């Protein structure tokens, strides 16, 4: 982790939830939702590798069917792998 920036690696199973705790005690959480949102994000991307979907998110709380929280006073660049 770089000062004021976190890049947590996350792997989610179907409808999964995961929590990542930073050294300063801040808990980051990613949740795979049941429905896709209509949200858009210029800094986000989706890539399919085999049967695994890779989401990259930055600066948003929800993109496609993944929600991340909380909003923290640092940049969080999520890299989320959704397993089938």
N, C-alpha and C. Protein backbone atom coordinates (compact mmCIF):
# COMPACT_ATOMS: atom_id res chain seq x y z
N UNK A 1 0.84 -1.18 0.00
CA UNK A 1 0.00 0.00 0.00
C UNK A 1 0.89 1.24 0.00
N UNK A 2 0.52 2.21 -0.80
CA UNK A 2 1.18 3.49 -0.86
C UNK A 2 0.37 4.46 0.00
N UNK A 3 1.02 5.45 0.58
CA UNK A 3 0.32 6.41 1.43
C UNK A 3 -0.94 6.92 0.75
N UNK A 4 -2.07 6.84 1.45
CA UNK A 4 -3.37 7.30 0.98
C UNK A 4 -3.87 6.59 -0.27
N UNK A 5 -3.38 5.36 -0.53
CA UNK A 5 -3.90 4.58 -1.66
C UNK A 5 -3.87 3.11 -1.28
N UNK A 6 -4.96 2.42 -1.56
CA UNK A 6 -5.02 0.98 -1.31
C UNK A 6 -5.40 0.28 -2.60
N UNK A 7 -4.85 -0.89 -2.83
CA UNK A 7 -5.17 -1.70 -3.99
C UNK A 7 -5.44 -3.13 -3.54
N UNK A 8 -6.59 -3.35 -2.88
CA UNK A 8 -6.84 -4.69 -2.34
C UNK A 8 -7.17 -5.69 -3.44
N UNK A 9 -6.52 -6.86 -3.43
CA UNK A 9 -6.88 -7.93 -4.35
C UNK A 9 -8.08 -8.68 -3.76
N UNK A 10 -9.11 -8.88 -4.54
CA UNK A 10 -10.34 -9.49 -4.04
C UNK A 10 -10.78 -10.61 -4.97
N UNK A 11 -11.15 -11.74 -4.38
CA UNK A 11 -11.74 -12.84 -5.14
C UNK A 11 -13.10 -13.12 -4.52
N UNK A 12 -14.15 -13.07 -5.34
CA UNK A 12 -15.51 -13.30 -4.85
C UNK A 12 -16.09 -14.54 -5.51
N UNK A 13 -16.71 -15.39 -4.71
CA UNK A 13 -17.48 -16.51 -5.25
C UNK A 13 -18.88 -16.02 -5.55
N UNK A 14 -19.73 -16.87 -6.07
CA UNK A 14 -21.11 -16.47 -6.39
C UNK A 14 -21.81 -15.84 -5.19
N UNK A 15 -22.30 -14.63 -5.38
CA UNK A 15 -23.00 -13.84 -4.36
C UNK A 15 -22.17 -13.71 -3.09
N UNK A 16 -20.87 -13.59 -3.25
CA UNK A 16 -19.94 -13.55 -2.12
C UNK A 16 -19.76 -12.17 -1.53
N UNK A 17 -19.14 -12.17 -0.36
CA UNK A 17 -18.77 -10.95 0.37
C UNK A 17 -17.36 -11.17 0.90
N UNK A 18 -16.53 -10.14 0.81
CA UNK A 18 -15.19 -10.24 1.38
C UNK A 18 -14.83 -8.93 2.05
N UNK A 19 -14.00 -9.01 3.07
CA UNK A 19 -13.54 -7.83 3.79
C UNK A 19 -12.02 -7.81 3.81
N UNK A 20 -11.46 -6.64 3.61
CA UNK A 20 -10.02 -6.43 3.62
C UNK A 20 -9.74 -5.36 4.66
N UNK A 21 -8.88 -5.64 5.63
CA UNK A 21 -8.56 -4.67 6.67
C UNK A 21 -7.16 -4.10 6.44
N UNK A 22 -7.09 -2.79 6.34
CA UNK A 22 -5.82 -2.10 6.13
C UNK A 22 -5.04 -2.02 7.44
N UNK A 23 -3.77 -1.70 7.34
CA UNK A 23 -2.90 -1.61 8.52
C UNK A 23 -3.41 -0.58 9.52
N UNK A 24 -4.09 0.47 9.04
CA UNK A 24 -4.60 1.50 9.95
C UNK A 24 -5.95 1.13 10.56
N UNK A 25 -6.45 -0.08 10.26
CA UNK A 25 -7.71 -0.54 10.82
C UNK A 25 -8.92 -0.28 9.95
N UNK A 26 -8.78 0.44 8.84
CA UNK A 26 -9.89 0.69 7.95
C UNK A 26 -10.31 -0.61 7.28
N UNK A 27 -11.60 -0.94 7.38
CA UNK A 27 -12.12 -2.16 6.75
C UNK A 27 -12.75 -1.80 5.42
N UNK A 28 -12.34 -2.50 4.37
CA UNK A 28 -12.90 -2.34 3.04
C UNK A 28 -13.70 -3.59 2.72
N UNK A 29 -14.86 -3.44 2.12
CA UNK A 29 -15.74 -4.59 1.88
C UNK A 29 -16.23 -4.58 0.45
N UNK A 30 -16.24 -5.74 -0.18
CA UNK A 30 -16.78 -5.90 -1.54
C UNK A 30 -17.88 -6.95 -1.49
N UNK A 31 -19.00 -6.65 -2.15
CA UNK A 31 -20.15 -7.55 -2.15
C UNK A 31 -20.61 -7.77 -3.59
N UNK A 32 -20.82 -9.02 -3.95
CA UNK A 32 -21.35 -9.37 -5.26
C UNK A 32 -22.87 -9.36 -5.12
N UNK A 33 -23.54 -8.42 -5.77
CA UNK A 33 -24.98 -8.23 -5.64
C UNK A 33 -25.75 -9.20 -6.54
N UNK A 34 -27.04 -9.33 -6.28
CA UNK A 34 -27.88 -10.24 -7.05
C UNK A 34 -28.26 -9.67 -8.41
N UNK A 35 -28.20 -8.35 -8.55
CA UNK A 35 -28.63 -7.73 -9.82
C UNK A 35 -27.61 -6.73 -10.31
N UNK A 36 -27.52 -6.61 -11.61
CA UNK A 36 -26.62 -5.66 -12.25
C UNK A 36 -27.20 -4.26 -12.13
N UNK A 37 -26.34 -3.28 -11.82
CA UNK A 37 -26.81 -1.89 -11.74
C UNK A 37 -26.60 -1.22 -13.09
N UNK A 38 -27.24 -0.11 -13.25
CA UNK A 38 -27.09 0.67 -14.48
C UNK A 38 -25.99 1.71 -14.34
N UNK A 39 -25.14 1.55 -13.33
CA UNK A 39 -24.11 2.54 -13.08
C UNK A 39 -23.04 2.51 -14.16
N UNK A 40 -22.44 3.66 -14.38
CA UNK A 40 -21.36 3.74 -15.35
C UNK A 40 -20.13 4.31 -14.65
N UNK A 41 -18.97 4.03 -15.20
CA UNK A 41 -17.74 4.47 -14.57
C UNK A 41 -16.65 4.54 -15.63
N UNK A 42 -16.15 5.72 -15.90
CA UNK A 42 -15.11 5.88 -16.91
C UNK A 42 -13.80 5.25 -16.48
N UNK A 43 -13.56 5.16 -15.16
CA UNK A 43 -12.30 4.62 -14.65
C UNK A 43 -12.40 3.13 -14.32
N UNK A 44 -13.50 2.48 -14.72
CA UNK A 44 -13.73 1.07 -14.41
C UNK A 44 -13.66 0.24 -15.69
N UNK A 45 -13.36 -1.04 -15.51
CA UNK A 45 -13.31 -1.91 -16.68
C UNK A 45 -13.70 -3.33 -16.30
N UNK A 46 -14.11 -4.10 -17.30
CA UNK A 46 -14.46 -5.50 -17.13
C UNK A 46 -13.70 -6.29 -18.19
N UNK A 47 -13.11 -7.39 -17.77
CA UNK A 47 -12.38 -8.27 -18.68
C UNK A 47 -12.76 -9.70 -18.33
N UNK A 48 -13.00 -10.54 -19.33
CA UNK A 48 -13.31 -11.94 -19.11
C UNK A 48 -12.08 -12.76 -19.46
N UNK A 49 -11.62 -13.57 -18.50
CA UNK A 49 -10.47 -14.44 -18.72
C UNK A 49 -10.94 -15.86 -18.44
N UNK A 50 -11.16 -16.64 -19.49
CA UNK A 50 -11.75 -17.97 -19.31
C UNK A 50 -13.15 -17.81 -18.76
N UNK A 51 -13.40 -18.39 -17.58
CA UNK A 51 -14.72 -18.26 -16.94
C UNK A 51 -14.70 -17.24 -15.80
N UNK A 52 -13.59 -16.54 -15.64
CA UNK A 52 -13.45 -15.58 -14.54
C UNK A 52 -13.61 -14.16 -15.07
N UNK A 53 -14.43 -13.39 -14.40
CA UNK A 53 -14.64 -11.98 -14.76
C UNK A 53 -13.77 -11.13 -13.86
N UNK A 54 -13.01 -10.21 -14.45
CA UNK A 54 -12.14 -9.30 -13.69
C UNK A 54 -12.70 -7.89 -13.81
N UNK A 55 -13.05 -7.31 -12.65
CA UNK A 55 -13.52 -5.93 -12.59
C UNK A 55 -12.43 -5.08 -12.00
N UNK A 56 -12.22 -3.94 -12.58
CA UNK A 56 -11.32 -2.94 -11.99
C UNK A 56 -12.16 -1.71 -11.72
N UNK A 57 -12.17 -1.27 -10.47
CA UNK A 57 -13.01 -0.15 -10.05
C UNK A 57 -12.16 0.87 -9.33
N UNK A 58 -12.51 2.14 -9.54
CA UNK A 58 -11.83 3.21 -8.83
C UNK A 58 -12.76 4.40 -8.74
N UNK A 59 -12.96 4.92 -7.54
CA UNK A 59 -13.74 6.15 -7.36
C UNK A 59 -15.24 5.99 -7.36
N UNK A 60 -15.76 4.75 -7.35
CA UNK A 60 -17.20 4.55 -7.31
C UNK A 60 -17.55 3.54 -6.23
N UNK A 61 -18.82 3.57 -5.77
CA UNK A 61 -19.26 2.63 -4.75
C UNK A 61 -19.89 1.39 -5.37
N UNK A 62 -20.37 1.50 -6.63
CA UNK A 62 -20.99 0.35 -7.27
C UNK A 62 -20.74 0.40 -8.76
N UNK A 63 -20.41 -0.75 -9.32
CA UNK A 63 -20.21 -0.88 -10.76
C UNK A 63 -20.65 -2.27 -11.16
N UNK A 64 -21.48 -2.33 -12.19
CA UNK A 64 -22.08 -3.60 -12.60
C UNK A 64 -22.80 -4.21 -11.40
N UNK A 65 -22.46 -5.44 -11.01
CA UNK A 65 -23.15 -6.09 -9.89
C UNK A 65 -22.26 -6.24 -8.66
N UNK A 66 -21.29 -5.33 -8.50
CA UNK A 66 -20.40 -5.35 -7.34
C UNK A 66 -20.49 -4.01 -6.60
N UNK A 67 -20.62 -4.08 -5.29
CA UNK A 67 -20.67 -2.89 -4.45
C UNK A 67 -19.47 -2.92 -3.51
N UNK A 68 -18.81 -1.79 -3.34
CA UNK A 68 -17.68 -1.69 -2.42
C UNK A 68 -17.96 -0.60 -1.40
N UNK A 69 -17.43 -0.80 -0.20
CA UNK A 69 -17.61 0.17 0.87
C UNK A 69 -16.48 0.04 1.88
N UNK A 70 -16.27 0.97 2.72
CA UNK A 70 -16.87 2.30 2.75
C UNK A 70 -16.10 3.24 1.83
N UNK A 71 -16.64 4.45 1.72
CA UNK A 71 -15.91 5.50 1.04
C UNK A 71 -14.90 6.02 2.05
N UNK A 72 -13.65 5.97 1.70
CA UNK A 72 -12.59 6.37 2.64
C UNK A 72 -11.80 7.52 2.05
N UNK A 73 -11.11 8.28 2.89
CA UNK A 73 -10.35 9.43 2.40
C UNK A 73 -9.02 9.02 1.77
N UNK A 74 -9.04 8.01 0.96
CA UNK A 74 -7.85 7.58 0.22
C UNK A 74 -8.35 6.97 -1.08
N UNK A 75 -7.48 6.87 -2.04
CA UNK A 75 -7.84 6.24 -3.30
C UNK A 75 -7.84 4.74 -3.10
N UNK A 76 -8.91 4.09 -3.51
CA UNK A 76 -8.98 2.63 -3.46
C UNK A 76 -9.18 2.15 -4.89
N UNK A 77 -8.22 1.39 -5.37
CA UNK A 77 -8.33 0.81 -6.71
C UNK A 77 -8.61 -0.68 -6.53
N UNK A 78 -9.85 -1.05 -6.74
CA UNK A 78 -10.28 -2.43 -6.55
C UNK A 78 -9.95 -3.25 -7.78
N UNK A 79 -9.45 -4.45 -7.56
CA UNK A 79 -9.32 -5.44 -8.63
C UNK A 79 -10.04 -6.67 -8.12
N UNK A 80 -11.20 -6.96 -8.71
CA UNK A 80 -12.09 -8.00 -8.21
C UNK A 80 -12.21 -9.11 -9.24
N UNK A 81 -11.95 -10.33 -8.82
CA UNK A 81 -12.13 -11.49 -9.66
C UNK A 81 -13.39 -12.21 -9.21
N UNK A 82 -14.36 -12.36 -10.12
CA UNK A 82 -15.60 -13.08 -9.83
C UNK A 82 -15.44 -14.50 -10.34
N UNK A 83 -15.54 -15.46 -9.45
CA UNK A 83 -15.45 -16.86 -9.85
C UNK A 83 -16.83 -17.37 -10.25
N UNK A 84 -16.90 -18.26 -11.21
CA UNK A 84 -18.21 -18.76 -11.66
C UNK A 84 -18.89 -19.61 -10.59
